[in-house]
Protein backbone atom coordinates (compact mmCIF):
# COMPACT_ATOMS: atom_id res chain seq x y z
CA UNK A 1 -24.10 9.56 -14.02
CA UNK A 2 -25.50 12.43 -12.00
CA UNK A 3 -23.43 15.36 -10.81
CA UNK A 4 -23.78 14.09 -7.24
CA UNK A 5 -22.42 10.68 -8.22
CA UNK A 6 -19.41 12.37 -9.75
CA UNK A 7 -18.99 14.93 -6.99
CA UNK A 8 -18.97 12.58 -3.98
CA UNK A 9 -16.23 10.20 -5.28
CA UNK A 10 -14.22 13.24 -6.41
CA UNK A 11 -14.43 14.72 -2.90
CA UNK A 12 -13.49 11.35 -1.41
CA UNK A 13 -10.53 11.05 -3.78
CA UNK A 14 -9.47 14.61 -2.94
CA UNK A 15 -9.71 13.83 0.78
CA UNK A 16 -7.51 10.76 0.30
CA UNK A 17 -5.04 12.88 -1.66
CA UNK A 18 -4.99 15.53 1.07
CA UNK A 19 -4.43 12.88 3.73
CA UNK A 20 -1.59 11.50 1.61
CA UNK A 21 -0.06 14.98 1.34
CA UNK A 22 -0.37 15.44 5.10
CA UNK A 23 1.31 12.08 5.71
CA UNK A 24 4.10 12.95 3.29
CA UNK A 25 4.52 16.32 5.02
CA UNK A 26 4.57 14.70 8.46
CA UNK A 27 7.09 12.10 7.33
CA UNK A 28 9.15 14.83 5.72
CA UNK A 29 9.00 16.83 8.92
CA UNK A 30 9.91 13.74 10.94
CA UNK A 31 12.81 13.07 8.59
CA UNK A 32 14.03 16.65 8.89
CA UNK A 33 13.67 16.62 12.69
CA UNK A 34 15.45 13.29 12.85
CA UNK A 35 18.20 14.56 10.56
CA UNK A 36 18.65 17.67 12.70
CA UNK A 37 18.82 15.48 15.80
CA UNK A 38 21.45 13.27 14.14
CA UNK A 39 23.42 16.33 13.09
CA UNK A 40 23.24 17.80 16.58
CA UNK A 41 24.34 14.49 18.08
CA UNK A 42 27.26 14.20 15.65
CA UNK A 43 28.33 17.80 16.28
CA UNK A 44 28.17 17.10 20.02
CA UNK A 45 30.33 13.99 19.52
CA UNK A 46 32.89 15.97 17.49
CA UNK A 47 32.88 18.75 20.07
CA UNK A 48 33.29 16.28 22.92
CA UNK A 49 36.18 14.58 21.10
CA UNK A 50 37.90 17.94 20.57
CA UNK A 51 37.36 18.98 24.19
CA UNK A 52 38.63 15.64 25.47
CA UNK A 53 41.76 15.88 23.33
CA UNK A 54 42.28 19.52 24.34
CA UNK A 55 42.08 18.59 28.01
CA UNK A 56 44.66 15.84 27.46
CA UNK A 57 46.99 18.25 25.66
CA UNK A 58 46.67 20.83 28.42
CA UNK A 59 47.34 18.15 31.01
CA UNK A 60 50.38 16.96 29.06
CA UNK A 61 51.71 20.49 28.71
CA UNK A 62 51.29 21.03 32.45
CA UNK A 63 53.04 17.79 33.29
CA UNK A 64 55.94 18.64 30.98
CA UNK A 65 56.18 22.27 31.97
CA UNK A 66 58.49 21.25 34.80
CA UNK A 67 61.06 20.22 32.23
CA UNK A 68 61.64 23.88 31.47
CA UNK A 69 62.85 24.57 34.99
CA UNK A 70 65.41 21.73 35.08
CA UNK A 71 69.10 22.73 35.18
CA UNK A 72 69.75 21.74 31.59
CA UNK A 73 73.36 22.36 30.48
CA UNK A 74 72.28 22.85 26.87
CA UNK A 75 75.82 22.14 25.64
CA UNK A 76 76.68 19.96 22.69
CA UNK A 77 76.76 16.29 23.69
CA UNK A 78 76.18 17.03 27.38
CA UNK A 79 76.19 13.68 29.17
CA UNK A 80 74.02 15.02 31.98
CA UNK A 81 71.38 16.24 29.54
CA UNK A 82 71.56 13.02 27.52
CA UNK A 83 71.07 10.93 30.63
CA UNK A 84 67.87 12.79 31.43
CA UNK A 85 66.60 12.47 27.85
CA UNK A 86 67.27 8.74 27.86
CA UNK A 87 64.84 8.34 30.73
CA UNK A 88 62.02 9.38 28.37
CA UNK A 89 62.84 6.62 25.88
CA UNK A 90 60.80 3.78 27.34
CA UNK A 91 59.21 2.42 24.14
CA UNK A 92 61.67 0.28 22.17
CA UNK A 93 59.42 0.47 19.09
CA UNK A 94 59.10 4.25 19.12
CA UNK A 95 59.35 5.85 15.69
CA UNK A 96 60.34 9.29 16.99
CA UNK A 97 62.09 10.78 19.98
CA UNK A 98 62.94 14.07 21.72
CA UNK A 99 65.83 16.55 21.73
CA UNK A 100 67.17 19.82 23.23
CA UNK A 101 67.67 23.08 21.35
CA UNK A 102 69.84 25.87 22.74
CA UNK A 103 69.31 29.60 22.40
CA UNK A 104 71.06 29.63 19.02
CA UNK A 105 68.63 26.97 17.67
CA UNK A 106 71.31 24.31 17.72
CA UNK A 107 70.38 20.69 18.47
CA UNK A 108 72.71 19.84 21.37
CA UNK A 109 71.44 16.40 22.46
CA UNK A 110 68.55 14.01 21.86
CA UNK A 111 67.17 10.49 21.49
CA UNK A 112 66.63 8.64 18.17
CA UNK A 113 68.26 11.52 16.32
CA UNK A 114 68.67 11.00 12.60
CA UNK A 115 72.30 10.96 11.35
CA UNK A 116 73.80 14.42 10.99
CA UNK A 117 71.13 16.13 13.06
CA UNK A 118 73.23 16.50 16.28
CA UNK A 119 74.80 19.95 16.27
CA UNK A 120 72.68 21.09 13.31
CA UNK A 121 70.35 24.07 13.35
CA UNK A 122 66.72 23.36 14.10
CA UNK A 123 64.60 25.11 11.48
CA UNK A 124 61.31 23.22 11.42
CA UNK A 125 58.27 24.94 9.87
CA UNK A 126 56.76 27.39 12.33
CA UNK A 127 59.77 27.39 14.66
CA UNK A 128 60.29 31.13 14.52
CA UNK A 129 56.65 31.74 15.48
CA UNK A 130 56.91 29.09 18.17
CA UNK A 131 59.89 30.82 19.80
CA UNK A 132 57.90 34.02 20.02
CA UNK A 133 55.00 32.20 21.68
CA UNK A 134 57.36 30.44 24.12
CA UNK A 135 58.25 33.80 25.61
CA UNK A 136 54.83 33.84 27.26
CA UNK A 137 53.63 30.23 27.03
CA UNK A 138 55.04 27.17 28.73
CA UNK A 139 54.70 25.04 25.58
CA UNK A 140 53.59 25.34 21.97
CA UNK A 141 52.66 22.93 19.18
CA UNK A 142 54.50 23.10 15.84
CA UNK A 143 52.93 22.37 12.44
CA UNK A 144 53.41 19.07 10.66
CA UNK A 145 56.73 18.79 8.79
CA UNK A 146 57.49 16.48 5.87
CA UNK A 147 60.09 14.78 8.07
CA UNK A 148 61.37 15.26 11.59
CA UNK A 149 64.68 15.44 13.42
CA UNK A 150 64.11 12.01 14.96
CA UNK A 151 62.06 10.38 12.16
CA UNK A 152 61.97 10.36 8.38
CA UNK A 153 58.18 10.19 8.52
CA UNK A 154 56.01 13.32 8.49
CA UNK A 155 55.98 14.52 12.09
CA UNK A 156 54.43 17.03 14.41
CA UNK A 157 56.26 18.45 17.43
CA UNK A 158 55.62 20.43 20.59
CA UNK A 159 58.23 22.46 22.37
CA UNK A 160 58.58 23.30 26.08
CA UNK A 161 60.41 26.51 26.96
CA UNK A 162 63.61 26.15 29.05
CA UNK A 163 63.89 29.32 31.07
CA UNK A 164 66.76 30.99 32.89
CA UNK A 165 66.26 30.33 36.63
CA UNK A 166 67.41 33.82 37.37
CA UNK A 167 65.09 35.40 34.81
CA UNK A 168 61.88 33.34 34.27
CA UNK A 169 60.87 35.60 31.40
CA UNK A 170 64.03 34.71 29.48
CA UNK A 171 64.06 31.64 27.21
CA UNK A 172 67.48 30.02 26.86
CA UNK A 173 66.39 26.90 24.96
CA UNK A 174 63.63 24.35 24.38
CA UNK A 175 62.79 20.72 25.00
CA UNK A 176 61.19 19.37 21.79
CA UNK A 177 59.15 16.18 21.54
CA UNK A 178 58.34 14.78 18.07
CA UNK A 179 55.47 12.49 17.07
CA UNK A 180 55.74 10.55 13.81
CA UNK A 181 52.59 10.39 11.69
CA UNK A 182 52.05 6.65 11.36
CA UNK A 183 48.97 4.47 10.86
CA UNK A 184 50.22 2.25 13.67
CA UNK A 185 50.80 5.02 16.20
CA UNK A 186 48.70 4.92 19.37
CA UNK A 187 47.16 8.30 18.56
CA UNK A 188 46.15 7.31 15.03
CA UNK A 189 44.71 3.99 16.17
CA UNK A 190 42.67 5.85 18.76
CA UNK A 191 41.21 8.03 15.99
CA UNK A 192 40.48 4.96 13.85
CA UNK A 193 38.46 3.60 16.76
CA UNK A 194 36.02 6.50 16.38
CA UNK A 195 34.98 5.42 12.87
CA UNK A 196 31.97 3.27 11.99
CA UNK A 197 33.39 0.50 9.82
CA UNK A 198 30.00 -0.01 8.11
CA UNK A 199 30.03 3.55 6.72
CA UNK A 200 32.06 3.68 3.53
CA UNK A 201 32.34 7.48 3.24
CA UNK A 202 32.87 8.39 6.88
CA UNK A 203 36.18 9.88 8.00
CA UNK A 204 37.62 11.43 11.17
CA UNK A 205 40.60 13.76 10.89
CA UNK A 206 42.75 15.85 13.22
CA UNK A 207 44.12 18.80 11.23
CA UNK A 208 46.85 21.20 12.37
CA UNK A 209 46.76 24.96 11.90
CA UNK A 210 48.45 24.67 8.49
CA UNK A 211 45.73 22.33 7.19
CA UNK A 212 47.75 19.11 7.28
CA UNK A 213 46.30 15.86 8.61
CA UNK A 214 47.82 14.78 11.94
CA UNK A 215 45.63 11.68 12.43
CA UNK A 216 42.85 10.08 10.37
CA UNK A 217 40.48 7.13 10.44
CA UNK A 218 41.04 6.48 6.73
CA UNK A 219 43.82 4.37 5.22
CA UNK A 220 45.48 7.31 3.48
CA UNK A 221 45.99 11.04 3.94
CA UNK A 222 48.39 11.26 6.89
CA UNK A 223 50.54 14.39 6.61
CA UNK A 224 48.64 15.57 3.53
CA UNK A 225 46.82 18.84 3.10
CA UNK A 226 43.05 18.76 3.40
CA UNK A 227 41.05 20.18 0.45
CA UNK A 228 41.08 23.96 0.23
CA UNK A 229 37.34 24.05 1.04
CA UNK A 230 38.14 22.64 4.49
CA UNK A 231 41.04 24.93 5.34
CA UNK A 232 40.02 27.54 7.91
CA UNK A 233 36.59 25.97 8.34
CA UNK A 234 34.72 27.43 11.30
CA UNK A 235 33.43 25.13 14.07
CA UNK A 236 30.00 23.64 13.44
CA UNK A 237 28.13 21.85 10.67
CA UNK A 238 28.78 22.56 7.00
CA UNK A 239 27.47 21.19 3.71
CA UNK A 240 30.22 21.07 1.11
CA UNK A 241 29.10 19.49 -2.13
CA UNK A 242 27.54 16.11 -1.32
CA UNK A 243 29.32 15.95 2.04
CA UNK A 244 28.40 16.91 5.57
CA UNK A 245 31.35 18.25 7.59
CA UNK A 246 31.31 18.70 11.38
CA UNK A 247 34.19 20.66 12.87
CA UNK A 248 35.41 21.59 16.36
CA UNK A 249 38.55 23.37 17.55
CA UNK A 250 41.32 22.14 19.88
CA UNK A 251 42.35 25.62 21.13
CA UNK A 252 45.38 24.60 23.15
CA UNK A 253 47.30 23.49 20.04
CA UNK A 254 45.39 25.25 17.23
CA UNK A 255 44.23 21.95 15.78
CA UNK A 256 40.78 21.11 14.45
CA UNK A 257 38.73 17.88 14.64
CA UNK A 258 36.75 17.13 11.46
CA UNK A 259 34.13 14.50 10.73
CA UNK A 260 33.13 14.09 7.07
CA UNK A 261 30.50 11.83 5.46
CA UNK A 262 28.31 11.88 2.38
CA UNK A 263 24.91 13.30 3.30
CA UNK A 264 22.92 10.43 1.77
CA UNK A 265 24.86 7.89 3.81
CA UNK A 266 24.70 10.02 6.95
CA UNK A 267 20.89 10.31 6.89
CA UNK A 268 20.39 6.85 5.35
CA UNK A 269 19.84 4.93 8.64
CA UNK A 270 17.04 7.37 9.49
CA UNK A 271 15.71 8.45 6.09
CA UNK A 272 15.71 4.94 4.62
CA UNK A 273 13.25 3.41 7.14
CA UNK A 274 11.14 6.58 7.16
CA UNK A 275 10.97 6.60 3.38
CA UNK A 276 10.11 2.90 3.37
CA UNK A 277 7.40 3.43 5.99
CA UNK A 278 6.19 6.48 4.10
CA UNK A 279 6.06 4.57 0.84
CA UNK A 280 4.16 1.72 2.51
CA UNK A 281 1.75 4.15 4.14
CA UNK A 282 1.19 6.03 0.91
CA UNK A 283 0.66 2.80 -1.06
CA UNK A 284 -1.72 1.48 1.61
CA UNK A 285 -3.49 4.85 1.79
CA UNK A 286 -3.84 5.14 -1.96
CA UNK A 287 -5.00 1.53 -2.24
CA UNK A 288 -7.46 2.03 0.62
CA UNK A 289 -8.58 5.37 -0.78
CA UNK A 290 -8.99 3.89 -4.24
CA UNK A 291 -10.91 0.97 -2.80
CA UNK A 292 -13.12 3.25 -0.71
CA UNK A 293 -13.68 5.54 -3.67
CA UNK A 294 -14.62 2.59 -5.86
CA UNK A 295 -16.87 1.19 -3.12
CA UNK A 296 -18.44 4.61 -2.62
CA UNK A 297 -18.97 5.04 -6.34
CA UNK A 298 -20.45 1.54 -6.51
CA UNK A 299 -22.70 2.22 -3.55
CA UNK A 300 -23.85 5.43 -5.20
CA UNK A 301 -24.53 3.53 -8.40
CA UNK A 302 -26.37 0.88 -6.41
CA UNK A 303 -28.34 3.57 -4.64
CA UNK A 304 -29.15 5.19 -7.96
CA UNK A 305 -30.10 1.81 -9.41
CA UNK A 306 -32.21 1.06 -6.36
CA UNK A 307 -34.00 4.38 -6.74
CA UNK A 308 -34.54 3.60 -10.38
CA UNK A 309 -35.86 0.15 -9.49
CA UNK A 310 -38.13 1.62 -6.86
CA UNK A 311 -39.38 4.15 -9.35
CA UNK A 312 -39.84 1.36 -11.87
CA UNK A 313 -41.58 -0.76 -9.25
CA UNK A 314 -43.87 2.13 -8.40
CA UNK A 315 -44.57 2.65 -12.05
CA UNK A 316 -45.10 -1.09 -12.50
CA UNK A 317 -47.42 -1.22 -9.51
CA UNK A 318 -49.43 1.66 -10.88
CA UNK A 319 -49.51 -0.07 -14.24
CA UNK A 320 -50.40 -3.31 -12.49
CA UNK A 321 -53.35 -1.69 -10.76
CA UNK A 322 -54.49 -0.29 -14.08
CA UNK A 323 -53.96 -3.60 -15.88
CA UNK A 324 -55.58 -5.71 -13.16
CA UNK A 325 -58.53 -3.35 -13.14
CA UNK A 326 -58.85 -3.84 -16.89
CA UNK A 327 -58.09 -7.58 -16.76
CA UNK A 328 -60.57 -8.19 -13.96
CA UNK A 329 -63.22 -6.11 -15.61
CA UNK A 330 -63.00 -8.09 -18.84
CA UNK A 331 -63.62 -11.62 -17.46
CA UNK A 332 -66.16 -10.36 -14.93
CA UNK A 333 -68.03 -8.63 -17.71
CA UNK A 334 -67.79 -11.80 -19.76
CA UNK A 335 -69.16 -14.01 -16.98
CA UNK A 336 -71.98 -11.62 -16.20
CA UNK A 337 -72.77 -11.00 -19.87
CA UNK A 338 -73.02 -14.66 -20.89
CA UNK A 339 -74.96 -15.60 -17.77
CA UNK A 340 -77.35 -12.67 -18.25
CA UNK A 341 -77.88 -13.68 -21.90
CA UNK A 342 -78.58 -17.25 -20.81
CA UNK A 343 -81.09 -16.12 -18.20
CA UNK A 344 -82.86 -13.74 -20.56
CA UNK A 345 -83.08 -16.14 -23.49
CA UNK A 346 -82.94 -19.53 -21.84
CA UNK A 347 -86.25 -20.76 -23.17
CA UNK A 348 -85.51 -19.62 -26.71
CA UNK A 349 -82.01 -21.19 -26.82
CA UNK A 350 -81.35 -24.75 -27.90
CA UNK A 351 -78.95 -26.99 -25.99
CA UNK A 352 -75.90 -26.05 -28.14
CA UNK A 353 -76.46 -22.34 -27.59
CA UNK A 354 -76.93 -22.87 -23.85
CA UNK A 355 -73.73 -24.97 -23.65
CA UNK A 356 -71.77 -22.37 -25.63
CA UNK A 357 -72.90 -19.51 -23.36
CA UNK A 358 -72.13 -21.46 -20.19
CA UNK A 359 -68.74 -22.61 -21.56
CA UNK A 360 -67.72 -19.05 -22.40
CA UNK A 361 -68.82 -17.89 -18.97
CA UNK A 362 -66.78 -20.74 -17.46
CA UNK A 363 -63.67 -19.77 -19.43
CA UNK A 364 -63.93 -16.16 -18.22
CA UNK A 365 -64.44 -17.36 -14.65
CA UNK A 366 -61.38 -19.60 -14.98
CA UNK A 367 -59.36 -16.66 -16.28
CA UNK A 368 -60.54 -14.59 -13.34
CA UNK A 369 -59.56 -17.41 -10.98
CA UNK A 370 -56.05 -17.59 -12.50
CA UNK A 371 -55.44 -13.86 -12.03
CA UNK A 372 -56.75 -14.03 -8.47
CA UNK A 373 -54.48 -17.02 -7.79
CA UNK A 374 -51.42 -15.14 -9.08
CA UNK A 375 -52.11 -12.19 -6.82
CA UNK A 376 -52.71 -14.42 -3.79
CA UNK A 377 -49.66 -16.57 -4.54
CA UNK A 378 -47.46 -13.48 -4.76
CA UNK A 379 -48.63 -12.34 -1.34
CA UNK A 380 -48.01 -15.85 0.04
CA UNK A 381 -44.51 -15.96 -1.42
CA UNK A 382 -43.57 -12.66 0.17
CA UNK A 383 -45.03 -13.58 3.54
CA UNK A 384 -43.41 -17.04 3.55
CA UNK A 385 -46.71 -18.89 3.58
CA UNK A 386 -46.28 -20.41 0.15
CA UNK A 387 -46.17 -24.13 0.94
CA UNK A 388 -44.84 -27.13 -0.98
CA UNK A 389 -45.69 -30.83 -0.72
CA UNK A 390 -42.61 -32.56 -2.09
CA UNK A 391 -42.60 -36.03 -3.59
CA UNK A 392 -41.63 -38.04 -6.66
CA UNK A 393 -42.94 -36.45 -9.84
CA UNK A 394 -42.77 -37.58 -13.46
CA UNK A 395 -42.11 -34.32 -15.28
CA UNK A 396 -43.01 -35.87 -18.64
CA UNK A 397 -46.56 -36.63 -17.43
CA UNK A 398 -46.88 -33.13 -16.00
CA UNK A 399 -45.93 -31.64 -19.38
CA UNK A 400 -48.56 -33.79 -21.13
CA UNK A 401 -51.20 -32.81 -18.56
CA UNK A 402 -50.43 -29.10 -18.92
CA UNK A 403 -50.58 -29.30 -22.70
CA UNK A 404 -53.87 -31.23 -22.63
CA UNK A 405 -55.38 -28.59 -20.34
CA UNK A 406 -55.03 -26.03 -23.11
CA UNK A 407 -57.05 -28.17 -25.46
CA UNK A 408 -56.66 -27.75 -29.22
CA UNK A 409 -54.72 -24.48 -28.82
CA UNK A 410 -51.74 -25.29 -30.97
CA UNK A 411 -49.28 -26.70 -28.40
CA UNK A 412 -46.69 -29.08 -29.85
CA UNK A 413 -44.85 -31.21 -27.29
CA UNK A 414 -41.82 -33.46 -27.45
CA UNK A 415 -41.21 -35.54 -24.33
CA UNK A 416 -39.26 -38.76 -23.69
CA UNK A 417 -41.12 -42.06 -23.69
CA UNK A 418 -39.57 -42.96 -20.34
CA UNK A 419 -40.33 -41.14 -17.12
CA UNK A 420 -38.36 -38.02 -16.23
CA UNK A 421 -38.27 -38.25 -12.41
CA UNK A 422 -37.81 -35.13 -10.31
CA UNK A 423 -38.43 -34.37 -6.65
CA UNK A 424 -41.08 -31.70 -6.32
CA UNK A 425 -44.60 -30.49 -5.76
CA UNK A 426 -46.71 -31.61 -8.72
CA UNK A 427 -49.29 -28.85 -8.29
CA UNK A 428 -46.65 -26.11 -8.13
CA UNK A 429 -44.78 -27.52 -11.13
CA UNK A 430 -48.07 -27.66 -13.00
CA UNK A 431 -48.53 -24.00 -12.09
CA UNK A 432 -45.12 -23.19 -13.65
CA UNK A 433 -46.03 -25.06 -16.82
CA UNK A 434 -49.42 -23.37 -17.03
CA UNK A 435 -47.90 -19.92 -16.59
CA UNK A 436 -45.25 -20.56 -19.27
CA UNK A 437 -47.76 -21.99 -21.73
CA UNK A 438 -50.27 -19.22 -21.07
CA UNK A 439 -47.54 -16.60 -21.52
CA UNK A 440 -46.38 -18.20 -24.79
CA UNK A 441 -49.88 -18.65 -26.17
CA UNK A 442 -50.81 -15.02 -25.50
CA UNK A 443 -47.59 -13.84 -27.17
CA UNK A 444 -47.56 -16.13 -30.23
CA UNK A 445 -49.49 -15.33 -33.39
CA UNK A 446 -52.80 -17.19 -33.63
CA UNK A 447 -51.66 -19.38 -36.55
CA UNK A 448 -48.36 -20.54 -34.99
CA UNK A 449 -48.03 -23.31 -32.41
CA UNK A 450 -46.26 -23.15 -29.04
CA UNK A 451 -43.45 -25.72 -28.94
CA UNK A 452 -42.65 -27.55 -25.70
CA UNK A 453 -39.61 -29.79 -25.49
CA UNK A 454 -38.49 -31.92 -22.52
CA UNK A 455 -35.13 -33.63 -22.51
CA UNK A 456 -32.23 -34.76 -20.34
CA UNK A 457 -28.92 -32.96 -19.92
CA UNK A 458 -26.69 -35.02 -17.67
CA UNK A 459 -28.30 -35.10 -14.23
CA UNK A 460 -30.75 -32.33 -15.18
CA UNK A 461 -34.16 -32.28 -16.78
CA UNK A 462 -34.38 -29.45 -19.30
CA UNK A 463 -37.75 -28.03 -20.38
CA UNK A 464 -38.08 -25.40 -23.10
CA UNK A 465 -41.22 -23.48 -24.04
CA UNK A 466 -40.83 -21.63 -27.34
CA UNK A 467 -43.11 -19.29 -29.24
CA UNK A 468 -42.86 -17.17 -32.38
CA UNK A 469 -44.02 -13.93 -30.81
CA UNK A 470 -42.58 -10.45 -31.10
CA UNK A 471 -39.66 -11.23 -28.82
CA UNK A 472 -38.32 -9.57 -25.71
CA UNK A 473 -35.90 -6.67 -25.53
CA UNK A 474 -32.47 -7.99 -24.39
CA UNK A 475 -32.47 -5.47 -21.53
CA UNK A 476 -35.71 -6.99 -20.25
CA UNK A 477 -34.71 -10.68 -20.30
CA UNK A 478 -33.94 -10.66 -16.59
CA UNK A 479 -36.43 -8.03 -15.49
CA UNK A 480 -39.43 -9.97 -16.81
CA UNK A 481 -39.04 -12.27 -13.80
CA UNK A 482 -39.67 -9.32 -11.47
CA UNK A 483 -43.09 -8.50 -10.13
CA UNK A 484 -45.49 -6.52 -12.27
CA UNK A 485 -43.15 -6.51 -15.28
CA UNK A 486 -44.46 -7.43 -18.70
CA UNK A 487 -41.60 -7.46 -21.16
CA UNK A 488 -43.40 -8.18 -24.43
CA UNK A 489 -43.68 -5.23 -26.75
CA UNK A 490 -47.31 -4.49 -27.43
CA UNK A 491 -48.51 -7.02 -24.81
CA UNK A 492 -51.34 -5.57 -22.75
CA UNK A 493 -52.80 -8.68 -21.13
CA UNK A 494 -51.66 -10.41 -17.98
CA UNK A 495 -50.78 -9.21 -14.49
CA UNK A 496 -47.01 -9.42 -14.79
CA UNK A 497 -46.89 -11.94 -11.90
CA UNK A 498 -46.79 -15.28 -13.69
CA UNK A 499 -43.07 -15.37 -14.47
CA UNK A 500 -42.20 -14.00 -11.05
CA UNK A 501 -44.13 -16.85 -9.41
CA UNK A 502 -42.66 -19.39 -11.83
CA UNK A 503 -39.09 -18.41 -10.89
CA UNK A 504 -39.84 -18.61 -7.17
CA UNK A 505 -41.26 -22.12 -7.59
CA UNK A 506 -38.38 -23.33 -9.81
CA UNK A 507 -35.74 -22.01 -7.42
CA UNK A 508 -37.57 -23.65 -4.50
CA UNK A 509 -37.05 -26.93 -6.44
CA UNK A 510 -33.28 -26.19 -6.64
CA UNK A 511 -33.56 -25.44 -10.33
CA UNK A 512 -33.25 -22.36 -12.50
CA UNK A 513 -35.26 -20.61 -15.18
CA UNK A 514 -34.26 -18.05 -17.76
CA UNK A 515 -35.38 -16.51 -21.04
CA UNK A 516 -33.69 -16.36 -24.44
CA UNK A 517 -35.05 -14.18 -27.22
CA UNK A 518 -34.43 -12.90 -30.70
CA UNK A 519 -36.78 -11.23 -33.16
CA UNK A 520 -39.57 -13.68 -33.98
CA UNK A 521 -38.62 -16.24 -31.33
CA UNK A 522 -38.72 -16.41 -27.55
CA UNK A 523 -37.68 -19.40 -25.49
CA UNK A 524 -38.07 -20.03 -21.76
CA UNK A 525 -35.77 -22.70 -20.31
CA UNK A 526 -36.28 -24.54 -17.04
CA UNK A 527 -33.68 -26.88 -15.54
CA UNK A 528 -34.52 -29.15 -12.60
CA UNK A 529 -32.30 -31.76 -10.93
CA UNK A 530 -33.29 -35.35 -11.69
CA UNK A 531 -34.36 -37.54 -8.81
CA UNK A 532 -32.89 -41.00 -8.13
CA UNK A 533 -36.32 -42.18 -7.05
CA UNK A 534 -38.53 -43.07 -9.97
CA UNK A 535 -41.75 -41.09 -10.19
CA UNK A 536 -45.05 -43.00 -10.36
CA UNK A 537 -46.48 -43.35 -13.89
CA UNK A 538 -50.05 -42.39 -14.51
CA UNK A 539 -52.14 -45.31 -15.68
CA UNK A 540 -53.13 -45.00 -19.33
CA UNK A 541 -56.68 -46.02 -20.18
C-alpha cells in the first residue's frame, strides 16, 4: 500500500473523529446549558414560593395586628377575653389553638389549652427574644417547639403584641397563635402539592430560623432538625454531596424554603435524552465514518488496481505489438519463402516437392489468417458488431469437426454417442474450440496428446480441453482471459487474444469458461446450457 493510500483514509478517519469530538462537545454544551436553565428555573420556582409565602405572612400579620389594639383584660379566666378567643375557633378538627399572655408571661385565657397550661408561665423557645422584637414589631414568629401550649405535637407559633392604648410603645401582653406540625395540616398538604411524585429523591421543606422543619413534602421529618450542612445555608443553588439544594428566604418570619434532589435525577429528564441522542449520533457517525473510510480505502485500492491494470494493459499492448510483428513476420516470410522456392525451382521439382512447398505455404497463410481474424474479431467485439446466428447445434459433432481439422496432431477426444444439443452459433462455437485446441497444442510437449472430453452435467454440457504443458501461474488463471495476456511461462507464440475472444463467445451463449492448472497439467472447462430442441445430426458417409 502506498503512503497516499494510507494517508487519505487516515485523514478521513481523523476528520470523522474530530466531527465526533465536536458533536460530543456540542451535546455537552447543550446539556450544560440545559442544566443551567433547569437550575435557574428551579431557583426561580423556589424564590417565587418563598415570596408568595412571605406575602401571605405579611398579610396575615397585618390582618391580625388589630388584635393588639383590642381592650383585652388580660386577667386570669377573663370571660370577655375568652369570648373573643372563642370566635377564632371555627375549625372543629383543629389540632392547635390560640391564647393570651399577660405582661408577666402568664397564660390567662385560651382555646384548646392543654391541661394545666392555664395560669402557667409561657416559656416557649425564643420567647424572650420575641418579646424584645415585639417592642418594635407588630408580630413575630417563634421557633418550632417539641410541643405547644395547645397541642402535644411539635408546633410553631406567632405572637401579636398587645399594647397599652395610652402608650403604644408599651407592650402589656401578647396574643399567641399556635400551629401544630402535622402531615394532614392545610399548610403541610399545600407543600406536598409542590412535589413531583415521579421523583424519588425530591423534597420541599420550610425550615425555621433554628433549622427545624416546619413543613415538608416527604413522609417524615416534621419538627426535626435539617442536616448541619443545610443550617444557615445562603439563598441560591448549592451542591452538597450528590444533592442539589435550592434555597430562598422568607424574611418576614426568618424561615427558609429549601428544595433538595439528587443531581443525577434532577438532570435526568434533560441529560438522559441528550445522552441517548448523542450516543445514537456518535454510533451513526462512527458507523458512517467507518463505512466511508472503508469505501474510500476500497476506492483507492480500486484506483491503484485500475492504474496497475492500465499499466499492465499498456505493457501488454506494447508486447502485443511486438509479438504480432514477430508472429506476422514469421508466416508471411514462410508464405513468401515457399512460393519463391516453388517459382524458382518449379521445373526441377517433382510433384511431391511441389505439393509439399504449396502445403507449407498454405499452412503459413492459414496461420496468418487466424491471427488476422483474432485481431478483427476483438475490434468487432468491442464495437458491438460481433454478430451471432443462433440455432440448434450438436456440440459433439462440433468437437469432432474441430479435432479433425487439426489432422494427426495428437488430439484425443471423448464424446457421447448421442447428440449433445445446445442453442448457439456453430461457427462461433467452432472458433472457441479451435482457439482452445490451438492454445493447448502450442503449450503441450510434442510427444503428448491434447485430451478433449465432452460430457453432461445435469442440464449443462461440459467440455474440457487438457494438455500436459508447463502450467499457468495461479495468479494468472483469470487474467489469461484478458486481452493481450499470455499466461504460459516461456510461451512466445500467439497474440494473446484467443482466450479473450473465446470467453466473450461462451458468455454470449449464456455459458462460462475457466482455467484450472497445476504443474504439468492445464485444463480449460466450458459449460453451456443444453437445449430442449435436438440438434441436427451430420450425415455419416
